[in-house]
Amino acid sequence: EVLALIAQGLSNGEIAERLVVAEQTVKSHVGRILVKLG
């Protein structure tokens, strides 16, 4: 879900607001996405 929002051009803050989570949580998701997908 976070990957799809990244591709739509949303910033970490905007993703956090959309998903109702902390921005730091989004940053963690983004980091794991990049690592998992290389």
Full PDB file with SEQRES, HELIX, SHEET, SSBOND, CRYST1, ORIGX, SCALE, CONECT and MASTER records, all heavy atoms in Angstrom:
SEQRES   1 A   38  GLU VAL LEU ALA LEU ILE ALA GLN GLY LEU SER ASN GLY          
SEQRES   2 A   38  GLU ILE ALA GLU ARG LEU VAL VAL ALA GLU GLN THR VAL          
SEQRES   3 A   38  LYS SER HIS VAL GLY ARG ILE LEU VAL LYS LEU GLY              
HELIX    1 AA1 VAL A    2  ALA A    7  1                                   6    
HELIX    2 AA2 ASN A   12  LEU A   19  1                                   8    
HELIX    3 AA3 GLU A   23  LEU A   37  1                                  15    
CRYST1    1.000    1.000    1.000  90.00  90.00  90.00 P 1           1          
ORIGX1      1.000000  0.000000  0.000000        0.00000                         
ORIGX2      0.000000  1.000000  0.000000        0.00000                         
ORIGX3      0.000000  0.000000  1.000000        0.00000                         
SCALE1      1.000000  0.000000  0.000000        0.00000                         
SCALE2      0.000000  1.000000  0.000000        0.00000                         
SCALE3      0.000000  0.000000  1.000000        0.00000                         
ATOM      1  N   GLU A   1       0.830  -1.200   0.000  1.00  0.00           N  
ATOM      2  CA  GLU A   1       0.000   0.000   0.000  1.00  0.00           C  
ATOM      3  C   GLU A   1       0.869   1.257   0.000  1.00  0.00           C  
ATOM      4  O   GLU A   1       0.607   2.221  -0.742  1.00  0.00           O  
ATOM      5  CB  GLU A   1      -0.906  -0.013   1.232  1.00  0.00           C  
ATOM      6  CG  GLU A   1      -1.957   1.082   1.265  1.00  0.00           C  
ATOM      7  CD  GLU A   1      -2.892   0.946   2.460  1.00  0.00           C  
ATOM      8  OE1 GLU A   1      -2.614   0.120   3.356  1.00  0.00           O  
ATOM      9  OE2 GLU A   1      -3.890   1.677   2.507  1.00  0.00           O  
ATOM     10  N   VAL A   2       1.914   1.247   0.807  1.00  0.00           N  
ATOM     11  CA  VAL A   2       2.829   2.396   0.869  1.00  0.00           C  
ATOM     12  C   VAL A   2       3.538   2.578  -0.472  1.00  0.00           C  
ATOM     13  O   VAL A   2       3.686   3.702  -0.962  1.00  0.00           O  
ATOM     14  CB  VAL A   2       3.855   2.211   2.005  1.00  0.00           C  
ATOM     15  CG1 VAL A   2       4.958   3.271   1.914  1.00  0.00           C  
ATOM     16  CG2 VAL A   2       3.169   2.285   3.364  1.00  0.00           C  
ATOM     17  N   LEU A   3       3.947   1.490  -1.094  1.00  0.00           N  
ATOM     18  CA  LEU A   3       4.613   1.560  -2.395  1.00  0.00           C  
ATOM     19  C   LEU A   3       3.713   2.217  -3.435  1.00  0.00           C  
ATOM     20  O   LEU A   3       4.159   3.061  -4.224  1.00  0.00           O  
ATOM     21  CB  LEU A   3       5.012   0.158  -2.858  1.00  0.00           C  
ATOM     22  CG  LEU A   3       5.615   0.048  -4.266  1.00  0.00           C  
ATOM     23  CD1 LEU A   3       6.854   0.922  -4.409  1.00  0.00           C  
ATOM     24  CD2 LEU A   3       5.933  -1.414  -4.583  1.00  0.00           C  
ATOM     25  N   ALA A   4       2.453   1.857  -3.437  1.00  0.00           N  
ATOM     26  CA  ALA A   4       1.511   2.436  -4.382  1.00  0.00           C  
ATOM     27  C   ALA A   4       1.372   3.945  -4.155  1.00  0.00           C  
ATOM     28  O   ALA A   4       1.280   4.718  -5.110  1.00  0.00           O  
ATOM     29  CB  ALA A   4       0.151   1.757  -4.257  1.00  0.00           C  
ATOM     30  N   LEU A   5       1.388   4.364  -2.912  1.00  0.00           N  
ATOM     31  CA  LEU A   5       1.261   5.789  -2.596  1.00  0.00           C  
ATOM     32  C   LEU A   5       2.534   6.548  -2.969  1.00  0.00           C  
ATOM     33  O   LEU A   5       2.470   7.698  -3.417  1.00  0.00           O  
ATOM     34  CB  LEU A   5       0.939   5.967  -1.116  1.00  0.00           C  
ATOM     35  CG  LEU A   5      -0.435   5.429  -0.678  1.00  0.00           C  
ATOM     36  CD1 LEU A   5      -0.599   5.508   0.834  1.00  0.00           C  
ATOM     37  CD2 LEU A   5      -1.562   6.183  -1.379  1.00  0.00           C  
ATOM     38  N   ILE A   6       3.685   5.925  -2.795  1.00  0.00           N  
ATOM     39  CA  ILE A   6       4.947   6.534  -3.245  1.00  0.00           C  
ATOM     40  C   ILE A   6       4.875   6.806  -4.735  1.00  0.00           C  
ATOM     41  O   ILE A   6       5.246   7.878  -5.220  1.00  0.00           O  
ATOM     42  CB  ILE A   6       6.142   5.603  -2.939  1.00  0.00           C  
ATOM     43  CG1 ILE A   6       6.404   5.518  -1.444  1.00  0.00           C  
ATOM     44  CG2 ILE A   6       7.400   6.091  -3.680  1.00  0.00           C  
ATOM     45  CD1 ILE A   6       7.465   4.492  -1.068  1.00  0.00           C  
ATOM     46  N   ALA A   7       4.399   5.811  -5.480  1.00  0.00           N  
ATOM     47  CA  ALA A   7       4.332   5.926  -6.941  1.00  0.00           C  
ATOM     48  C   ALA A   7       3.342   6.988  -7.394  1.00  0.00           C  
ATOM     49  O   ALA A   7       3.439   7.490  -8.514  1.00  0.00           O  
ATOM     50  CB  ALA A   7       3.958   4.572  -7.546  1.00  0.00           C  
ATOM     51  N   GLN A   8       2.410   7.342  -6.517  1.00  0.00           N  
ATOM     52  CA  GLN A   8       1.457   8.400  -6.845  1.00  0.00           C  
ATOM     53  C   GLN A   8       2.008   9.781  -6.470  1.00  0.00           C  
ATOM     54  O   GLN A   8       1.323  10.788  -6.628  1.00  0.00           O  
ATOM     55  CB  GLN A   8       0.140   8.138  -6.121  1.00  0.00           C  
ATOM     56  CG  GLN A   8      -0.587   6.905  -6.639  1.00  0.00           C  
ATOM     57  CD  GLN A   8      -1.802   6.555  -5.805  1.00  0.00           C  
ATOM     58  OE1 GLN A   8      -2.642   7.411  -5.537  1.00  0.00           O  
ATOM     59  NE2 GLN A   8      -1.910   5.303  -5.380  1.00  0.00           N  
ATOM     60  N   GLY A   9       3.248   9.814  -5.975  1.00  0.00           N  
ATOM     61  CA  GLY A   9       3.909  11.082  -5.700  1.00  0.00           C  
ATOM     62  C   GLY A   9       3.704  11.638  -4.308  1.00  0.00           C  
ATOM     63  O   GLY A   9       4.052  12.791  -4.039  1.00  0.00           O  
ATOM     64  N   LEU A  10       3.156  10.856  -3.390  1.00  0.00           N  
ATOM     65  CA  LEU A  10       2.922  11.353  -2.035  1.00  0.00           C  
ATOM     66  C   LEU A  10       4.210  11.346  -1.220  1.00  0.00           C  
ATOM     67  O   LEU A  10       5.035  10.437  -1.346  1.00  0.00           O  
ATOM     68  CB  LEU A  10       1.868  10.502  -1.324  1.00  0.00           C  
ATOM     69  CG  LEU A  10       0.392  10.895  -1.553  1.00  0.00           C  
ATOM     70  CD1 LEU A  10      -0.002  10.662  -3.006  1.00  0.00           C  
ATOM     71  CD2 LEU A  10      -0.518  10.093  -0.625  1.00  0.00           C  
ATOM     72  N   SER A  11       4.388  12.357  -0.395  1.00  0.00           N  
ATOM     73  CA  SER A  11       5.527  12.424   0.510  1.00  0.00           C  
ATOM     74  C   SER A  11       5.259  11.525   1.717  1.00  0.00           C  
ATOM     75  O   SER A  11       4.138  11.049   1.915  1.00  0.00           O  
ATOM     76  CB  SER A  11       5.735  13.858   0.993  1.00  0.00           C  
ATOM     77  OG  SER A  11       4.637  14.270   1.807  1.00  0.00           O  
ATOM     78  N   ASN A  12       6.285  11.323   2.546  1.00  0.00           N  
ATOM     79  CA  ASN A  12       6.092  10.507   3.744  1.00  0.00           C  
ATOM     80  C   ASN A  12       5.013  11.094   4.642  1.00  0.00           C  
ATOM     81  O   ASN A  12       4.184  10.380   5.206  1.00  0.00           O  
ATOM     82  CB  ASN A  12       7.403  10.399   4.523  1.00  0.00           C  
ATOM     83  CG  ASN A  12       8.385   9.451   3.863  1.00  0.00           C  
ATOM     84  OD1 ASN A  12       8.034   8.741   2.925  1.00  0.00           O  
ATOM     85  ND2 ASN A  12       9.611   9.444   4.346  1.00  0.00           N  
ATOM     86  N   GLY A  13       5.009  12.424   4.774  1.00  0.00           N  
ATOM     87  CA  GLY A  13       3.998  13.065   5.604  1.00  0.00           C  
ATOM     88  C   GLY A  13       2.591  12.855   5.071  1.00  0.00           C  
ATOM     89  O   GLY A  13       1.651  12.600   5.830  1.00  0.00           O  
ATOM     90  N   GLU A  14       2.444  12.959   3.754  1.00  0.00           N  
ATOM     91  CA  GLU A  14       1.130  12.761   3.132  1.00  0.00           C  
ATOM     92  C   GLU A  14       0.680  11.308   3.248  1.00  0.00           C  
ATOM     93  O   GLU A  14      -0.508  11.031   3.464  1.00  0.00           O  
ATOM     94  CB  GLU A  14       1.191  13.191   1.665  1.00  0.00           C  
ATOM     95  CG  GLU A  14       1.345  14.693   1.491  1.00  0.00           C  
ATOM     96  CD  GLU A  14       1.691  15.088   0.070  1.00  0.00           C  
ATOM     97  OE1 GLU A  14       2.272  14.252  -0.670  1.00  0.00           O  
ATOM     98  OE2 GLU A  14       1.392  16.234  -0.321  1.00  0.00           O  
ATOM     99  N   ILE A  15       1.632  10.382   3.123  1.00  0.00           N  
ATOM    100  CA  ILE A  15       1.290   8.964   3.277  1.00  0.00           C  
ATOM    101  C   ILE A  15       0.856   8.691   4.710  1.00  0.00           C  
ATOM    102  O   ILE A  15      -0.119   7.972   4.965  1.00  0.00           O  
ATOM    103  CB  ILE A  15       2.489   8.073   2.899  1.00  0.00           C  
ATOM    104  CG1 ILE A  15       2.790   8.199   1.403  1.00  0.00           C  
ATOM    105  CG2 ILE A  15       2.202   6.602   3.249  1.00  0.00           C  
ATOM    106  CD1 ILE A  15       4.046   7.487   0.966  1.00  0.00           C  
ATOM    107  N   ALA A  16       1.585   9.273   5.662  1.00  0.00           N  
ATOM    108  CA  ALA A  16       1.235   9.092   7.079  1.00  0.00           C  
ATOM    109  C   ALA A  16      -0.172   9.603   7.359  1.00  0.00           C  
ATOM    110  O   ALA A  16      -0.951   8.958   8.079  1.00  0.00           O  
ATOM    111  CB  ALA A  16       2.249   9.831   7.959  1.00  0.00           C  
ATOM    112  N   GLU A  17      -0.499  10.749   6.779  1.00  0.00           N  
ATOM    113  CA  GLU A  17      -1.837  11.311   6.971  1.00  0.00           C  
ATOM    114  C   GLU A  17      -2.899  10.426   6.336  1.00  0.00           C  
ATOM    115  O   GLU A  17      -3.963  10.191   6.916  1.00  0.00           O  
ATOM    116  CB  GLU A  17      -1.891  12.710   6.353  1.00  0.00           C  
ATOM    117  CG  GLU A  17      -3.198  13.437   6.594  1.00  0.00           C  
ATOM    118  CD  GLU A  17      -3.168  14.857   6.054  1.00  0.00           C  
ATOM    119  OE1 GLU A  17      -2.077  15.347   5.735  1.00  0.00           O  
ATOM    120  OE2 GLU A  17      -4.259  15.461   5.955  1.00  0.00           O  
ATOM    121  N   ARG A  18      -2.609   9.899   5.151  1.00  0.00           N  
ATOM    122  CA  ARG A  18      -3.568   9.036   4.444  1.00  0.00           C  
ATOM    123  C   ARG A  18      -3.826   7.740   5.221  1.00  0.00           C  
ATOM    124  O   ARG A  18      -4.966   7.271   5.303  1.00  0.00           O  
ATOM    125  CB  ARG A  18      -3.005   8.714   3.060  1.00  0.00           C  
ATOM    126  CG  ARG A  18      -3.864   7.758   2.220  1.00  0.00           C  
ATOM    127  CD  ARG A  18      -5.051   8.458   1.605  1.00  0.00           C  
ATOM    128  NE  ARG A  18      -4.649   9.500   0.680  1.00  0.00           N  
ATOM    129  CZ  ARG A  18      -4.403   9.286  -0.623  1.00  0.00           C  
ATOM    130  NH1 ARG A  18      -4.523   8.076  -1.131  1.00  0.00           N  
ATOM    131  NH2 ARG A  18      -4.067  10.303  -1.409  1.00  0.00           N  
ATOM    132  N   LEU A  19      -2.752   7.184   5.797  1.00  0.00           N  
ATOM    133  CA  LEU A  19      -2.877   5.892   6.481  1.00  0.00           C  
ATOM    134  C   LEU A  19      -3.129   6.027   7.982  1.00  0.00           C  
ATOM    135  O   LEU A  19      -3.298   5.018   8.669  1.00  0.00           O  
ATOM    136  CB  LEU A  19      -1.607   5.065   6.253  1.00  0.00           C  
ATOM    137  CG  LEU A  19      -1.259   4.745   4.791  1.00  0.00           C  
ATOM    138  CD1 LEU A  19       0.025   3.921   4.721  1.00  0.00           C  
ATOM    139  CD2 LEU A  19      -2.408   4.002   4.112  1.00  0.00           C  
ATOM    140  N   VAL A  20      -3.121   7.278   8.455  1.00  0.00           N  
ATOM    141  CA  VAL A  20      -3.326   7.576   9.884  1.00  0.00           C  
ATOM    142  C   VAL A  20      -2.299   6.839  10.736  1.00  0.00           C  
ATOM    143  O   VAL A  20      -2.624   6.072  11.655  1.00  0.00           O  
ATOM    144  CB  VAL A  20      -4.764   7.206  10.331  1.00  0.00           C  
ATOM    145  CG1 VAL A  20      -5.077   7.861  11.684  1.00  0.00           C  
ATOM    146  CG2 VAL A  20      -5.802   7.626   9.296  1.00  0.00           C  
ATOM    147  N   VAL A  21      -1.032   7.060  10.403  1.00  0.00           N  
ATOM    148  CA  VAL A  21       0.077   6.501  11.183  1.00  0.00           C  
ATOM    149  C   VAL A  21       1.126   7.591  11.348  1.00  0.00           C  
ATOM    150  O   VAL A  21       1.044   8.655  10.743  1.00  0.00           O  
ATOM    151  CB  VAL A  21       0.708   5.280  10.468  1.00  0.00           C  
ATOM    152  CG1 VAL A  21      -0.304   4.146  10.332  1.00  0.00           C  
ATOM    153  CG2 VAL A  21       1.262   5.671   9.098  1.00  0.00           C  
ATOM    154  N   ALA A  22       2.127   7.331  12.176  1.00  0.00           N  
ATOM    155  CA  ALA A  22       3.197   8.293  12.392  1.00  0.00           C  
ATOM    156  C   ALA A  22       4.104   8.348  11.157  1.00  0.00           C  
ATOM    157  O   ALA A  22       4.291   7.344  10.463  1.00  0.00           O  
ATOM    158  CB  ALA A  22       4.024   7.900  13.613  1.00  0.00           C  
ATOM    159  N   GLU A  23       4.683   9.516  10.894  1.00  0.00           N  
ATOM    160  CA  GLU A  23       5.564   9.662   9.734  1.00  0.00           C  
ATOM    161  C   GLU A  23       6.785   8.748   9.861  1.00  0.00           C  
ATOM    162  O   GLU A  23       7.285   8.217   8.868  1.00  0.00           O  
ATOM    163  CB  GLU A  23       6.007  11.112   9.587  1.00  0.00           C  
ATOM    164  CG  GLU A  23       6.807  11.367   8.319  1.00  0.00           C  
ATOM    165  CD  GLU A  23       7.024  12.843   8.052  1.00  0.00           C  
ATOM    166  OE1 GLU A  23       6.360  13.679   8.707  1.00  0.00           O  
ATOM    167  OE2 GLU A  23       7.869  13.159   7.190  1.00  0.00           O  
ATOM    168  N   GLN A  24       7.277   8.554  11.082  1.00  0.00           N  
ATOM    169  CA  GLN A  24       8.423   7.671  11.288  1.00  0.00           C  
ATOM    170  C   GLN A  24       8.080   6.232  10.881  1.00  0.00           C  
ATOM    171  O   GLN A  24       8.935   5.498  10.369  1.00  0.00           O  
ATOM    172  CB  GLN A  24       8.866   7.699  12.756  1.00  0.00           C  
ATOM    173  CG  GLN A  24      10.127   6.893  13.025  1.00  0.00           C  
ATOM    174  CD  GLN A  24      11.308   7.353  12.189  1.00  0.00           C  
ATOM    175  OE1 GLN A  24      11.567   8.546  12.074  1.00  0.00           O  
ATOM    176  NE2 GLN A  24      12.017   6.406  11.583  1.00  0.00           N  
ATOM    177  N   THR A  25       6.825   5.849  11.103  1.00  0.00           N  
ATOM    178  CA  THR A  25       6.383   4.510  10.691  1.00  0.00           C  
ATOM    179  C   THR A  25       6.454   4.382   9.176  1.00  0.00           C  
ATOM    180  O   THR A  25       6.886   3.351   8.635  1.00  0.00           O  
ATOM    181  CB  THR A  25       4.945   4.254  11.164  1.00  0.00           C  
ATOM    182  OG1 THR A  25       4.898   4.333  12.587  1.00  0.00           O  
ATOM    183  CG2 THR A  25       4.454   2.877  10.725  1.00  0.00           C  
ATOM    184  N   VAL A  26       6.043   5.433   8.477  1.00  0.00           N  
ATOM    185  CA  VAL A  26       6.109   5.425   7.014  1.00  0.00           C  
ATOM    186  C   VAL A  26       7.558   5.318   6.555  1.00  0.00           C  
ATOM    187  O   VAL A  26       7.882   4.556   5.637  1.00  0.00           O  
ATOM    188  CB  VAL A  26       5.458   6.686   6.415  1.00  0.00           C  
ATOM    189  CG1 VAL A  26       5.648   6.714   4.900  1.00  0.00           C  
ATOM    190  CG2 VAL A  26       3.979   6.732   6.766  1.00  0.00           C  
ATOM    191  N   LYS A  27       8.455   6.074   7.183  1.00  0.00           N  
ATOM    192  CA  LYS A  27       9.872   6.015   6.827  1.00  0.00           C  
ATOM    193  C   LYS A  27      10.402   4.599   6.976  1.00  0.00           C  
ATOM    194  O   LYS A  27      11.189   4.122   6.136  1.00  0.00           O  
ATOM    195  CB  LYS A  27      10.677   6.970   7.704  1.00  0.00           C  
ATOM    196  CG  LYS A  27      10.432   8.442   7.410  1.00  0.00           C  
ATOM    197  CD  LYS A  27      11.291   9.321   8.303  1.00  0.00           C  
ATOM    198  CE  LYS A  27      11.058  10.798   8.019  1.00  0.00           C  
ATOM    199  NZ  LYS A  27      11.867  11.672   8.917  1.00  0.00           N  
ATOM    200  N   SER A  28       9.974   3.916   8.035  1.00  0.00           N  
ATOM    201  CA  SER A  28      10.409   2.534   8.249  1.00  0.00           C  
ATOM    202  C   SER A  28       9.886   1.629   7.141  1.00  0.00           C  
ATOM    203  O   SER A  28      10.612   0.764   6.623  1.00  0.00           O  
ATOM    204  CB  SER A  28       9.925   2.031   9.612  1.00  0.00           C  
ATOM    205  OG  SER A  28      10.496   2.791  10.660  1.00  0.00           O  
ATOM    206  N   HIS A  29       8.626   1.818   6.757  1.00  0.00           N  
ATOM    207  CA  HIS A  29       8.050   1.035   5.665  1.00  0.00           C  
ATOM    208  C   HIS A  29       8.823   1.266   4.370  1.00  0.00           C  
ATOM    209  O   HIS A  29       9.139   0.315   3.643  1.00  0.00           O  
ATOM    210  CB  HIS A  29       6.579   1.407   5.455  1.00  0.00           C  
ATOM    211  CG  HIS A  29       5.642   0.856   6.479  1.00  0.00           C  
ATOM    212  ND1 HIS A  29       5.685  -0.454   6.916  1.00  0.00           N  
ATOM    213  CD2 HIS A  29       4.604   1.434   7.154  1.00  0.00           C  
ATOM    214  CE1 HIS A  29       4.741  -0.652   7.810  1.00  0.00           C  
ATOM    215  NE2 HIS A  29       4.066   0.479   7.974  1.00  0.00           N  
ATOM    216  N   VAL A  30       9.118   2.530   4.078  1.00  0.00           N  
ATOM    217  CA  VAL A  30       9.828   2.864   2.844  1.00  0.00           C  
ATOM    218  C   VAL A  30      11.195   2.190   2.827  1.00  0.00           C  
ATOM    219  O   VAL A  30      11.615   1.612   1.813  1.00  0.00           O  
ATOM    220  CB  VAL A  30       9.987   4.392   2.687  1.00  0.00           C  
ATOM    221  CG1 VAL A  30      10.898   4.718   1.497  1.00  0.00           C  
ATOM    222  CG2 VAL A  30       8.625   5.055   2.508  1.00  0.00           C  
ATOM    223  N   GLY A  31      11.894   2.247   3.949  1.00  0.00           N  
ATOM    224  CA  GLY A  31      13.205   1.610   4.030  1.00  0.00           C  
ATOM    225  C   GLY A  31      13.141   0.126   3.778  1.00  0.00           C  
ATOM    226  O   GLY A  31      13.972  -0.437   3.041  1.00  0.00           O  
ATOM    227  N   ARG A  32      12.139  -0.545   4.352  1.00  0.00           N  
ATOM    228  CA  ARG A  32      11.999  -1.996   4.155  1.00  0.00           C  
ATOM    229  C   ARG A  32      11.625  -2.323   2.718  1.00  0.00           C  
ATOM    230  O   ARG A  32      12.079  -3.329   2.155  1.00  0.00           O  
ATOM    231  CB  ARG A  32      10.962  -2.557   5.128  1.00  0.00           C  
ATOM    232  CG  ARG A  32      11.468  -2.644   6.560  1.00  0.00           C  
ATOM    233  CD  ARG A  32      10.582  -3.536   7.412  1.00  0.00           C  
ATOM    234  NE  ARG A  32       9.258  -2.962   7.588  1.00  0.00           N  
ATOM    235  CZ  ARG A  32       8.924  -2.148   8.585  1.00  0.00           C  
ATOM    236  NH1 ARG A  32       9.843  -1.793   9.481  1.00  0.00           N  
ATOM    237  NH2 ARG A  32       7.703  -1.685   8.704  1.00  0.00           N  
ATOM    238  N   ILE A  33      10.791  -1.482   2.110  1.00  0.00           N  
ATOM    239  CA  ILE A  33      10.397  -1.690   0.714  1.00  0.00           C  
ATOM    240  C   ILE A  33      11.632  -1.658  -0.185  1.00  0.00           C  
ATOM    241  O   ILE A  33      11.828  -2.540  -1.049  1.00  0.00           O  
ATOM    242  CB  ILE A  33       9.385  -0.614   0.266  1.00  0.00           C  
ATOM    243  CG1 ILE A  33       8.036  -0.846   0.944  1.00  0.00           C  
ATOM    244  CG2 ILE A  33       9.214  -0.622  -1.262  1.00  0.00           C  
ATOM    245  CD1 ILE A  33       7.071   0.326   0.804  1.00  0.00           C  
ATOM    246  N   LEU A  34      12.470  -0.657  -0.003  1.00  0.00           N  
ATOM    247  CA  LEU A  34      13.662  -0.516  -0.843  1.00  0.00           C  
ATOM    248  C   LEU A  34      14.601  -1.696  -0.663  1.00  0.00           C  
ATOM    249  O   LEU A  34      15.154  -2.223  -1.633  1.00  0.00           O  
ATOM    250  CB  LEU A  34      14.382   0.796  -0.519  1.00  0.00           C  
ATOM    251  CG  LEU A  34      13.606   2.084  -0.786  1.00  0.00           C  
ATOM    252  CD1 LEU A  34      14.449   3.304  -0.434  1.00  0.00           C  
ATOM    253  CD2 LEU A  34      13.148   2.165  -2.238  1.00  0.00           C  
ATOM    254  N   VAL A  35      14.765  -2.137   0.579  1.00  0.00           N  
ATOM    255  CA  VAL A  35      15.660  -3.266   0.852  1.00  0.00           C  
ATOM    256  C   VAL A  35      15.110  -4.553   0.246  1.00  0.00           C  
ATOM    257  O   VAL A  35      15.817  -5.299  -0.435  1.00  0.00           O  
ATOM    258  CB  VAL A  35      15.871  -3.443   2.373  1.00  0.00           C  
ATOM    259  CG1 VAL A  35      16.583  -4.756   2.664  1.00  0.00           C  
ATOM    260  CG2 VAL A  35      16.679  -2.286   2.931  1.00  0.00           C  
ATOM    261  N   LYS A  36      13.833  -4.831   0.474  1.00  0.00           N  
ATOM    262  CA  LYS A  36      13.229  -6.073  -0.019  1.00  0.00           C  
ATOM    263  C   LYS A  36      13.242  -6.173  -1.543  1.00  0.00           C  
ATOM    264  O   LYS A  36      13.417  -7.259  -2.103  1.00  0.00           O  
ATOM    265  CB  LYS A  36      11.789  -6.200   0.500  1.00  0.00           C  
ATOM    266  CG  LYS A  36      11.678  -6.539   1.972  1.00  0.00           C  
ATOM    267  CD  LYS A  36      10.215  -6.718   2.372  1.00  0.00           C  
ATOM    268  CE  LYS A  36      10.074  -7.109   3.839  1.00  0.00           C  
ATOM    269  NZ  LYS A  36       8.651  -7.328   4.222  1.00  0.00           N  
ATOM    270  N   LEU A  37      13.049  -5.035  -2.204  1.00  0.00           N  
ATOM    271  CA  LEU A  37      12.962  -5.045  -3.662  1.00  0.00           C  
ATOM    272  C   LEU A  37      14.296  -4.742  -4.326  1.00  0.00           C  
ATOM    273  O   LEU A  37      14.407  -4.762  -5.555  1.00  0.00           O  
ATOM    274  CB  LEU A  37      11.910  -4.036  -4.140  1.00  0.00           C  
ATOM    275  CG  LEU A  37      10.474  -4.307  -3.681  1.00  0.00           C  
ATOM    276  CD1 LEU A  37       9.543  -3.218  -4.185  1.00  0.00           C  
ATOM    277  CD2 LEU A  37      10.001  -5.679  -4.165  1.00  0.00           C  
ATOM    278  N   GLY A  38      15.330  -4.473  -3.516  1.00  0.00           N  
ATOM    279  CA  GLY A  38      16.638  -4.176  -4.069  1.00  0.00           C  
ATOM    280  C   GLY A  38      16.672  -2.875  -4.848  1.00  0.00           C  
ATOM    281  O   GLY A  38      17.367  -2.754  -5.861  1.00  0.00           O  
TER     282      GLY A  38                                                      
MASTER        0    0    0    3    0    0    0    6  281    1    0    3          
END                                                                             
